Amino acid sequence: MTTRIGHVIDRAERDLEVIAVRAGTRRRVRARPHRLRRRVARRVLILSWEYPPIVEGGLARHVRKLAETLVAQGETVHVLTRGREGDPPREVRAGVRVHRVPAPPTPRDLDPFLHWVEAMNDRMATAGAALAARTAVDVVHGHDWLVAPAAGGLASRLRRPYVTTIHATEYGRHQGWVARHPQAHIHGVETWMARRAERVIVCSHYMRGHVADVYGLDEDAVTVIPNGIDPLDLRPAGDLAALRAQYAAPDDKLVLLTGRLVYEKGFQLALDALPAVLRRVGRVRFLVAGAGPHEAELREHARRLGLADHGTFLGWIGDDLLHSLYRIADLCVVPSLYEPFGLVALEAMASGCPCIVADTGGLREVVPNDDVGMRFRSRDPRSLAETMTLVLSNPAVRYRLVSEASGHVARFDWTDVARRTAAVYGALGEPRPRPRATRRPAAVRR
């Protein structure tokens, strides 16, 4: 990477002072550490390669809600991100100070994309240094490898702690096959990022063990803070009856698959399961909402299975339409091979849509039992077909899942997510070691 990444310099402890007013005069006294005082808002600099209005996936939604809720809890939050032509270079959104660096459209091929990421990090590092010259920064928080060089470099330059949230790993996305370029490059950046940060945050207990194994870290240096959800953000738009009629007849069962169309999301497994479901249930239609490099292959796979007349590939859709699809679908299926968390499952359950997920990764924590959702054996189309048949053929099962899930999703609250994230920031106010490499990293497949 072009961005120079320096070593962390020990932070000097700053004395806390308060101003006491006694007998009408001001007298400066030193604050006692054990006494509770009115907390001064932390100044947090968050780096993310996507932030609304740029939404590539769940990362933009996560960073937006986290930043806005931190502001609501009294923190001062700056977000450094990229912008497209026409996006304002600076604005305040829901109290969050957003700073954008210009970036051309993202290339489709990986090698050009890596150069694009490098150039974006250079611009972010320059913009972050200029911002820090105007306003103090207490902590730098980067999200995933795409902004790691800029985030880590700025933390070193500013002598401030560096926190990273790892939303997914290249090792997990490729089942350990990261020995060759370009996966080797991304895996190398992620390894540096995980070991460089003073604190690593992940979204599930599964990811805590995964990240510790892959990068050889001490699990005590990895904090689990689940994603949150705000039901008010899931409002549908338009005429739902008309929308359903567009894709399904009144007596059809409608199955929704949504997410980025990449191999590890497992949509091919759902397509493999659908012929058996059609034979057992009868009138079933499917929707695939999303875009990605696996789209053409999935379309061809559906054609080979004889499913072309039983469903629709919608391509990329906006949040308004997605939230409406959750409301009109009879079932949402999340068949991932690798899933750090499972936000789609959480959104579906919060929208009143029954959900089936693969029994793997963070999905086990989002759907912990058969009361709130159903799980099938990961990578097994036959198990998925049996589970889909059970849910689609039994209205009582669907009703139970929806009823139980409504209370379950309330546990994933953004207020709690922000409070726990702020606690991580606060713990960094005192010197602590970086995440330690206490074991050998997981083996790389060649």
Protein backbone atom coordinates (compact mmCIF):
# COMPACT_ATOMS: atom_id res chain seq x y z
CA MET A 1 0.00 0.00 0.00
CA THR A 2 1.13 3.56 -0.71
CA THR A 3 -0.11 4.77 2.65
CA ARG A 4 2.72 4.71 5.18
CA ILE A 5 1.77 2.70 8.27
CA GLY A 6 3.78 3.67 11.32
CA HIS A 7 4.14 2.12 14.74
CA VAL A 8 1.96 3.17 17.63
CA ILE A 9 3.50 5.71 19.94
CA ASP A 10 2.61 5.43 23.60
CA ARG A 11 -0.17 7.81 24.53
CA ALA A 12 0.51 10.30 27.29
CA GLU A 13 -2.03 10.40 30.06
CA ARG A 14 -3.82 13.72 30.33
CA ASP A 15 -4.73 15.16 33.71
CA LEU A 16 -8.41 15.70 34.24
CA GLU A 17 -9.34 19.12 35.57
CA VAL A 18 -12.60 20.64 36.67
CA ILE A 19 -13.57 24.21 37.42
CA ALA A 20 -15.21 24.69 40.80
CA VAL A 21 -17.09 27.84 41.66
CA ARG A 22 -17.02 28.62 45.34
CA ALA A 23 -18.19 31.79 47.05
CA GLY A 24 -18.57 33.48 43.68
CA THR A 25 -14.95 32.88 42.63
CA ARG A 26 -13.45 30.31 40.26
CA ARG A 27 -10.83 27.97 41.63
CA ARG A 28 -9.07 25.27 39.58
CA VAL A 29 -8.92 21.94 41.37
CA ARG A 30 -7.63 18.57 40.24
CA ALA A 31 -10.33 15.98 39.66
CA ARG A 32 -10.13 12.86 41.73
CA PRO A 33 -10.08 9.78 39.47
CA HIS A 34 -12.50 7.80 41.64
CA ARG A 35 -15.20 10.47 41.54
CA LEU A 36 -17.86 10.47 38.85
CA ARG A 37 -17.75 13.66 36.81
CA ARG A 38 -19.76 14.93 33.87
CA ARG A 39 -18.19 13.13 30.92
CA VAL A 40 -16.80 15.17 28.08
CA ALA A 41 -17.95 13.81 24.73
CA ARG A 42 -15.39 11.67 22.96
CA ARG A 43 -14.43 12.73 19.45
CA VAL A 44 -14.61 9.63 17.29
CA LEU A 45 -13.31 9.37 13.73
CA ILE A 46 -14.97 6.47 11.86
CA LEU A 47 -13.67 5.32 8.49
CA SER A 48 -15.85 3.30 6.12
CA TRP A 49 -15.68 2.75 2.37
CA GLU A 50 -19.47 3.07 2.15
CA TYR A 51 -21.91 5.38 3.89
CA PRO A 52 -25.35 6.57 2.72
CA PRO A 53 -26.18 7.51 0.08
CA ILE A 54 -23.58 4.94 -1.08
CA VAL A 55 -24.87 1.55 0.03
CA GLU A 56 -22.99 -1.48 -1.24
CA GLY A 57 -24.37 -3.83 1.42
CA GLY A 58 -24.95 -4.18 5.13
CA LEU A 59 -21.79 -2.28 6.10
CA ALA A 60 -23.22 1.13 5.18
CA ARG A 61 -26.34 0.47 7.22
CA HIS A 62 -24.31 -0.72 10.21
CA VAL A 63 -21.96 2.28 10.22
CA ARG A 64 -24.82 4.76 9.79
CA LYS A 65 -26.87 3.41 12.67
CA LEU A 66 -23.82 3.08 14.93
CA ALA A 67 -22.66 6.64 14.19
CA GLU A 68 -26.10 8.17 14.64
CA THR A 69 -26.76 6.32 17.89
CA LEU A 70 -23.34 7.28 19.28
CA VAL A 71 -24.23 10.91 18.57
CA ALA A 72 -27.58 10.46 20.31
CA GLN A 73 -25.67 9.19 23.35
CA GLY A 74 -23.47 12.28 23.51
CA GLU A 75 -20.41 11.39 21.42
CA THR A 76 -19.03 13.63 18.67
CA VAL A 77 -18.73 11.52 15.54
CA HIS A 78 -16.95 12.26 12.26
CA VAL A 79 -17.31 9.74 9.44
CA LEU A 80 -14.69 9.72 6.70
CA THR A 81 -15.93 7.92 3.59
CA ARG A 82 -15.96 8.10 -0.18
CA GLY A 83 -18.29 10.11 -2.37
CA ARG A 84 -19.56 9.99 -5.92
CA GLU A 85 -19.96 12.84 -8.32
CA GLY A 86 -22.68 15.11 -6.96
CA ASP A 87 -22.38 13.95 -3.34
CA PRO A 88 -21.61 16.84 -0.95
CA PRO A 89 -17.99 16.73 0.28
CA ARG A 90 -19.17 17.62 3.80
CA GLU A 91 -22.55 17.50 5.48
CA VAL A 92 -24.20 16.78 8.81
CA ARG A 93 -26.60 13.83 8.75
CA ALA A 94 -28.58 13.14 11.94
CA GLY A 95 -25.83 14.86 13.93
CA VAL A 96 -23.02 12.88 12.27
CA ARG A 97 -20.34 14.99 10.57
CA VAL A 98 -19.75 13.25 7.22
CA HIS A 99 -16.60 13.96 5.18
CA ARG A 100 -16.27 12.47 1.69
CA VAL A 101 -13.26 12.00 -0.54
CA PRO A 102 -13.90 11.80 -4.29
CA ALA A 103 -13.68 8.35 -5.86
CA PRO A 104 -14.41 7.09 -9.38
CA PRO A 105 -16.81 4.19 -9.90
CA THR A 106 -15.60 0.88 -8.46
CA PRO A 107 -13.94 -1.43 -11.02
CA ARG A 108 -15.44 -4.88 -11.55
CA ASP A 109 -12.14 -6.79 -11.86
CA LEU A 110 -10.17 -7.49 -8.68
CA ASP A 111 -6.72 -6.21 -9.67
CA PRO A 112 -8.01 -2.78 -10.75
CA PHE A 113 -10.19 -2.80 -7.63
CA LEU A 114 -7.14 -3.25 -5.38
CA HIS A 115 -5.47 -0.23 -7.01
CA TRP A 116 -8.73 1.68 -6.58
CA VAL A 117 -8.76 0.80 -2.85
CA GLU A 118 -5.15 1.94 -2.49
CA ALA A 119 -5.91 5.30 -4.09
CA MET A 120 -9.01 5.72 -1.89
CA ASN A 121 -6.91 5.09 1.23
CA ASP A 122 -4.37 7.69 0.13
CA ARG A 123 -7.12 10.28 -0.24
CA MET A 124 -8.68 9.27 3.08
CA ALA A 125 -5.35 9.55 4.88
CA THR A 126 -4.80 13.05 3.48
CA ALA A 127 -8.35 14.15 4.30
CA GLY A 128 -8.15 12.64 7.79
CA ALA A 129 -4.92 14.49 8.55
CA ALA A 130 -6.48 17.76 7.41
CA LEU A 131 -9.54 17.10 9.55
CA ALA A 132 -7.41 16.32 12.60
CA ALA A 133 -5.60 19.63 12.12
CA ARG A 134 -8.93 21.40 12.62
CA THR A 135 -10.48 19.25 15.35
CA ALA A 136 -9.15 16.88 17.98
CA VAL A 137 -9.68 13.13 17.63
CA ASP A 138 -9.78 10.73 20.59
CA VAL A 139 -10.17 7.39 18.81
CA VAL A 140 -9.98 6.11 15.22
CA HIS A 141 -12.46 3.36 14.30
CA GLY A 142 -12.07 1.60 10.95
CA HIS A 143 -14.47 -0.89 9.40
CA ASP A 144 -12.96 -3.83 7.51
CA TRP A 145 -9.77 -4.07 5.42
CA LEU A 146 -10.90 -1.61 2.75
CA VAL A 147 -9.98 1.37 4.96
CA ALA A 148 -7.38 -0.29 7.20
CA PRO A 149 -4.27 1.43 5.80
CA ALA A 150 -5.79 4.90 6.19
CA ALA A 151 -7.30 4.14 9.61
CA GLY A 152 -4.17 2.55 11.04
CA GLY A 153 -1.92 5.21 9.55
CA LEU A 154 -4.03 8.05 10.94
CA ALA A 155 -4.12 6.46 14.40
CA SER A 156 -0.33 6.27 14.40
CA ARG A 157 0.10 9.80 13.09
CA LEU A 158 -2.35 11.22 15.63
CA ARG A 159 -1.09 8.99 18.46
CA ARG A 160 -4.61 7.82 19.14
CA PRO A 161 -5.99 4.29 19.71
CA TYR A 162 -7.13 2.31 16.68
CA VAL A 163 -10.26 0.15 16.85
CA THR A 164 -11.26 -2.09 13.95
CA THR A 165 -14.54 -3.87 13.37
CA ILE A 166 -14.09 -7.00 11.28
CA HIS A 167 -17.39 -7.73 9.56
CA ALA A 168 -16.08 -10.69 7.51
CA THR A 169 -12.73 -12.21 6.50
CA GLU A 170 -11.24 -13.14 3.16
CA TYR A 171 -10.25 -16.46 4.73
CA GLY A 172 -13.88 -17.21 5.56
CA ARG A 173 -15.26 -15.99 2.24
CA HIS A 174 -12.93 -18.37 0.38
CA GLN A 175 -12.91 -21.27 2.88
CA GLY A 176 -9.20 -20.83 3.55
CA TRP A 177 -8.08 -20.60 -0.09
CA VAL A 178 -6.11 -17.37 0.29
CA ALA A 179 -2.60 -18.39 -0.76
CA ARG A 180 -2.80 -16.81 -4.23
CA HIS A 181 -3.26 -13.27 -5.46
CA PRO A 182 -5.50 -11.33 -5.03
CA GLN A 183 -6.91 -13.19 -2.00
CA ALA A 184 -3.40 -13.36 -0.50
CA HIS A 185 -3.10 -9.58 -0.63
CA ILE A 186 -6.47 -8.99 1.05
CA HIS A 187 -5.74 -11.64 3.68
CA GLY A 188 -2.40 -9.97 4.38
CA VAL A 189 -4.02 -6.58 4.91
CA GLU A 190 -6.61 -8.13 7.22
CA THR A 191 -3.91 -9.92 9.23
CA TRP A 192 -1.98 -6.67 9.67
CA MET A 193 -5.20 -4.84 10.58
CA ALA A 194 -6.23 -7.37 13.24
CA ARG A 195 -2.79 -7.33 14.88
CA ARG A 196 -2.27 -3.58 14.56
CA ALA A 197 -5.51 -2.48 16.23
CA GLU A 198 -5.65 -1.89 19.97
CA ARG A 199 -9.08 -3.53 19.97
CA VAL A 200 -10.95 -5.78 17.53
CA ILE A 201 -14.76 -5.84 17.44
CA VAL A 202 -16.77 -8.62 15.79
CA CYS A 203 -20.50 -9.21 15.43
CA SER A 204 -20.87 -12.74 16.82
CA HIS A 205 -19.24 -15.27 19.11
CA TYR A 206 -18.64 -17.41 16.05
CA MET A 207 -16.61 -14.56 14.52
CA ARG A 208 -14.67 -14.11 17.74
CA GLY A 209 -13.31 -17.64 17.53
CA HIS A 210 -12.88 -17.42 13.77
CA VAL A 211 -10.89 -14.18 13.89
CA ALA A 212 -8.74 -15.43 16.77
CA ASP A 213 -7.97 -18.66 14.89
CA VAL A 214 -7.33 -17.06 11.50
CA TYR A 215 -5.02 -14.31 12.78
CA GLY A 216 -3.59 -16.10 15.83
CA LEU A 217 -4.99 -13.60 18.33
CA ASP A 218 -5.83 -13.85 22.00
CA GLU A 219 -9.63 -14.15 22.20
CA ASP A 220 -9.61 -11.73 25.16
CA ALA A 221 -8.56 -8.99 22.74
CA VAL A 222 -11.67 -9.53 20.58
CA THR A 223 -14.97 -7.99 21.71
CA VAL A 224 -18.34 -9.34 20.56
CA ILE A 225 -20.98 -6.69 19.84
CA PRO A 226 -23.89 -8.01 17.73
CA ASN A 227 -25.44 -5.93 14.98
CA GLY A 228 -28.55 -4.00 15.84
CA ILE A 229 -31.83 -3.48 14.11
CA ASP A 230 -34.38 -0.68 14.17
CA PRO A 231 -37.87 -1.83 13.12
CA LEU A 232 -38.69 1.77 12.17
CA ASP A 233 -36.11 1.51 9.39
CA LEU A 234 -37.98 -1.44 7.86
CA ARG A 235 -41.08 0.41 6.77
CA PRO A 236 -42.53 -0.86 3.48
CA ALA A 237 -43.43 1.48 0.65
CA GLY A 238 -46.26 1.45 -1.86
CA ASP A 239 -49.19 -0.91 -2.35
CA LEU A 240 -48.17 -4.29 -0.92
CA ALA A 241 -51.11 -6.16 -2.45
CA ALA A 242 -50.23 -4.86 -5.90
CA LEU A 243 -46.58 -5.70 -5.37
CA ARG A 244 -47.38 -9.28 -4.42
CA ALA A 245 -49.72 -9.67 -7.38
CA GLN A 246 -46.82 -8.62 -9.62
CA TYR A 247 -44.81 -11.68 -8.61
CA ALA A 248 -47.26 -14.31 -7.34
CA ALA A 249 -50.85 -15.46 -7.75
CA PRO A 250 -53.11 -15.47 -4.68
CA ASP A 251 -52.60 -19.20 -4.06
CA ASP A 252 -48.85 -19.17 -4.70
CA LYS A 253 -46.27 -19.39 -1.93
CA LEU A 254 -43.56 -16.75 -2.38
CA VAL A 255 -39.97 -17.44 -1.30
CA LEU A 256 -37.47 -14.57 -0.96
CA LEU A 257 -33.69 -14.82 -1.37
CA THR A 258 -31.80 -11.58 -0.91
CA GLY A 259 -28.20 -10.45 -0.56
CA ARG A 260 -25.06 -9.98 -2.58
CA LEU A 261 -24.88 -12.66 -5.27
CA VAL A 262 -21.58 -14.31 -4.40
CA TYR A 263 -20.77 -17.99 -4.00
CA GLU A 264 -20.47 -17.95 -0.21
CA LYS A 265 -24.07 -16.74 0.19
CA GLY A 266 -25.21 -20.19 -0.97
CA PHE A 267 -28.09 -19.18 -3.27
CA GLN A 268 -27.19 -22.12 -5.51
CA LEU A 269 -28.24 -24.43 -2.65
CA ALA A 270 -31.66 -22.80 -2.49
CA LEU A 271 -32.11 -23.27 -6.23
CA ASP A 272 -31.08 -26.94 -5.88
CA ALA A 273 -33.76 -27.39 -3.20
CA LEU A 274 -36.62 -25.72 -5.09
CA PRO A 275 -37.53 -28.55 -7.55
CA ALA A 276 -38.29 -30.88 -4.63
CA VAL A 277 -40.27 -28.13 -2.89
CA LEU A 278 -42.32 -27.56 -6.05
CA ARG A 279 -43.16 -31.26 -6.24
CA ARG A 280 -44.25 -31.42 -2.59
CA VAL A 281 -45.91 -28.04 -2.04
CA GLY A 282 -47.20 -27.21 -5.51
CA ARG A 283 -47.46 -23.56 -6.44
CA VAL A 284 -44.25 -21.91 -5.26
CA ARG A 285 -42.49 -18.92 -6.75
CA PHE A 286 -39.15 -17.39 -5.80
CA LEU A 287 -37.55 -13.96 -5.93
CA VAL A 288 -33.80 -13.34 -5.97
CA ALA A 289 -33.07 -9.75 -4.94
CA GLY A 290 -29.48 -8.61 -5.28
CA ALA A 291 -26.55 -8.29 -7.63
CA GLY A 292 -23.01 -9.62 -7.72
CA PRO A 293 -20.44 -11.59 -9.69
CA HIS A 294 -22.33 -14.89 -9.26
CA GLU A 295 -25.54 -13.59 -10.87
CA ALA A 296 -25.06 -14.94 -14.40
CA GLU A 297 -24.13 -18.37 -13.08
CA LEU A 298 -27.17 -18.44 -10.79
CA ARG A 299 -29.49 -17.50 -13.65
CA GLU A 300 -28.05 -20.30 -15.79
CA HIS A 301 -28.29 -22.72 -12.86
CA ALA A 302 -31.99 -21.89 -12.43
CA ARG A 303 -32.57 -22.46 -16.14
CA ARG A 304 -30.87 -25.89 -16.04
CA LEU A 305 -33.07 -26.88 -13.09
CA GLY A 306 -36.23 -25.93 -14.96
CA LEU A 307 -36.96 -23.01 -12.65
CA ALA A 308 -36.98 -20.19 -15.21
CA ASP A 309 -40.79 -19.98 -15.19
CA HIS A 310 -41.07 -20.19 -11.41
CA GLY A 311 -39.22 -17.09 -10.28
CA THR A 312 -37.63 -13.72 -10.98
CA PHE A 313 -34.14 -12.30 -10.61
CA LEU A 314 -34.68 -8.67 -9.62
CA GLY A 315 -31.08 -7.48 -9.66
CA TRP A 316 -30.01 -4.75 -7.23
CA ILE A 317 -32.94 -3.16 -5.38
CA GLY A 318 -33.26 -0.28 -2.95
CA ASP A 319 -34.13 -0.60 0.72
CA ASP A 320 -37.73 0.55 0.25
CA LEU A 321 -38.49 -2.31 -2.13
CA LEU A 322 -36.56 -4.83 -0.02
CA HIS A 323 -38.53 -3.90 3.09
CA SER A 324 -41.75 -4.35 1.11
CA LEU A 325 -40.63 -7.77 -0.17
CA TYR A 326 -40.14 -8.96 3.41
CA ARG A 327 -43.80 -8.09 4.05
CA ILE A 328 -45.24 -9.93 1.03
CA ALA A 329 -43.07 -13.08 1.12
CA ASP A 330 -44.26 -16.28 2.77
CA LEU A 331 -40.69 -17.30 3.57
CA CYS A 332 -37.18 -15.86 3.54
CA VAL A 333 -34.27 -18.28 3.08
CA VAL A 334 -30.66 -17.50 4.11
CA PRO A 335 -28.60 -20.48 2.80
CA SER A 336 -25.11 -19.04 3.41
CA LEU A 337 -21.98 -21.19 3.38
CA TYR A 338 -20.14 -18.50 5.38
CA GLU A 339 -22.05 -15.94 7.43
CA PRO A 340 -20.50 -13.84 10.19
CA PHE A 341 -23.87 -12.61 11.44
CA GLY A 342 -26.99 -12.80 9.27
CA LEU A 343 -28.58 -9.36 9.06
CA VAL A 344 -31.03 -10.49 6.36
CA ALA A 345 -32.48 -13.07 8.74
CA LEU A 346 -32.87 -10.45 11.45
CA GLU A 347 -34.56 -8.00 9.05
CA ALA A 348 -36.92 -10.69 7.79
CA MET A 349 -37.95 -11.73 11.31
CA ALA A 350 -38.43 -8.09 12.35
CA SER A 351 -40.67 -7.60 9.29
CA GLY A 352 -42.93 -10.53 10.14
CA CYS A 353 -41.52 -12.91 7.53
CA PRO A 354 -40.76 -16.51 8.59
CA CYS A 355 -37.11 -17.36 8.14
CA ILE A 356 -35.01 -20.46 7.38
CA VAL A 357 -31.24 -20.23 7.78
CA ALA A 358 -28.24 -22.48 7.35
CA ASP A 359 -26.97 -24.02 10.58
CA THR A 360 -23.62 -22.28 10.41
CA GLY A 361 -21.61 -19.30 11.66
CA GLY A 362 -23.34 -16.31 13.19
CA LEU A 363 -26.72 -17.48 11.89
CA ARG A 364 -26.86 -19.86 14.86
CA GLU A 365 -26.87 -16.83 17.15
CA VAL A 366 -29.43 -14.84 15.16
CA VAL A 367 -31.69 -17.91 14.96
CA PRO A 368 -30.81 -19.74 18.19
CA ASN A 369 -33.77 -22.16 18.21
CA ASP A 370 -36.73 -23.43 16.18
CA ASP A 371 -39.13 -21.11 18.00
CA VAL A 372 -37.99 -17.95 16.21
CA GLY A 373 -36.78 -19.47 12.92
CA MET A 374 -35.81 -22.78 11.35
CA ARG A 375 -32.31 -24.09 10.62
CA PHE A 376 -31.27 -26.67 8.03
CA ARG A 377 -28.04 -28.64 7.70
CA SER A 378 -25.51 -26.34 6.07
CA ARG A 379 -24.62 -27.17 2.43
CA ASP A 380 -27.42 -29.77 2.23
CA PRO A 381 -30.13 -28.99 -0.40
CA ARG A 382 -32.17 -32.02 0.70
CA SER A 383 -32.34 -30.75 4.29
CA LEU A 384 -33.27 -27.29 3.03
CA ALA A 385 -36.05 -28.71 0.82
CA GLU A 386 -37.50 -30.63 3.76
CA THR A 387 -37.44 -27.56 5.99
CA MET A 388 -38.96 -25.30 3.32
CA THR A 389 -41.72 -27.86 2.75
CA LEU A 390 -42.48 -27.98 6.47
CA VAL A 391 -42.81 -24.20 6.77
CA LEU A 392 -44.64 -23.55 3.50
CA SER A 393 -47.15 -26.37 4.07
CA ASN A 394 -48.09 -25.42 7.64
CA PRO A 395 -49.70 -22.05 8.33
CA ALA A 396 -49.55 -22.78 12.08
CA VAL A 397 -45.76 -23.16 11.90
CA ARG A 398 -45.40 -19.87 10.03
CA TYR A 399 -47.65 -18.11 12.57
CA ARG A 400 -45.62 -19.48 15.49
CA LEU A 401 -42.32 -18.40 13.96
CA VAL A 402 -43.58 -14.86 13.33
CA SER A 403 -45.07 -14.55 16.82
CA GLU A 404 -41.96 -15.76 18.65
CA ALA A 405 -39.53 -13.80 16.48
CA SER A 406 -41.19 -10.46 17.24
CA GLY A 407 -39.90 -10.52 20.81
CA HIS A 408 -36.56 -12.11 19.93
CA VAL A 409 -35.46 -9.34 17.56
CA ALA A 410 -35.89 -6.73 20.30
CA ARG A 411 -32.65 -8.03 21.83
CA PHE A 412 -30.68 -6.57 18.90
CA ASP A 413 -30.99 -2.93 19.87
CA TRP A 414 -28.82 -0.15 18.43
CA THR A 415 -28.83 1.71 21.73
CA ASP A 416 -27.11 -1.27 23.34
CA VAL A 417 -24.72 -1.64 20.37
CA ALA A 418 -23.61 1.99 20.66
CA ARG A 419 -23.31 1.81 24.46
CA ARG A 420 -21.07 -1.24 24.25
CA THR A 421 -18.99 0.32 21.47
CA ALA A 422 -18.52 3.46 23.54
CA ALA A 423 -17.39 1.25 26.43
CA VAL A 424 -14.66 -0.16 24.15
CA TYR A 425 -13.56 3.39 23.36
CA GLY A 426 -13.57 4.26 27.06
CA ALA A 427 -11.45 1.25 28.01
CA LEU A 428 -8.78 2.45 25.60
CA GLY A 429 -8.34 5.60 27.65
CA GLU A 430 -5.91 3.62 29.80
CA PRO A 431 -2.83 1.92 28.35
CA ARG A 432 -3.45 -1.66 27.25
CA PRO A 433 -1.58 -4.07 25.02
CA ARG A 434 -2.49 -4.62 21.42
CA PRO A 435 -4.20 -7.89 20.49
CA ARG A 436 -1.58 -10.55 21.13
CA ALA A 437 -0.62 -13.32 18.73
CA THR A 438 -0.76 -16.17 21.23
CA ARG A 439 -1.09 -19.03 18.77
CA ARG A 440 -0.30 -19.90 15.22
CA PRO A 441 -2.73 -18.53 12.60
CA ALA A 442 -5.01 -20.97 10.81
CA ALA A 443 -3.44 -22.83 7.90
CA VAL A 444 -3.88 -21.31 4.44
CA ARG A 445 -5.13 -23.65 1.72
CA ARG A 446 -2.96 -23.80 -1.38
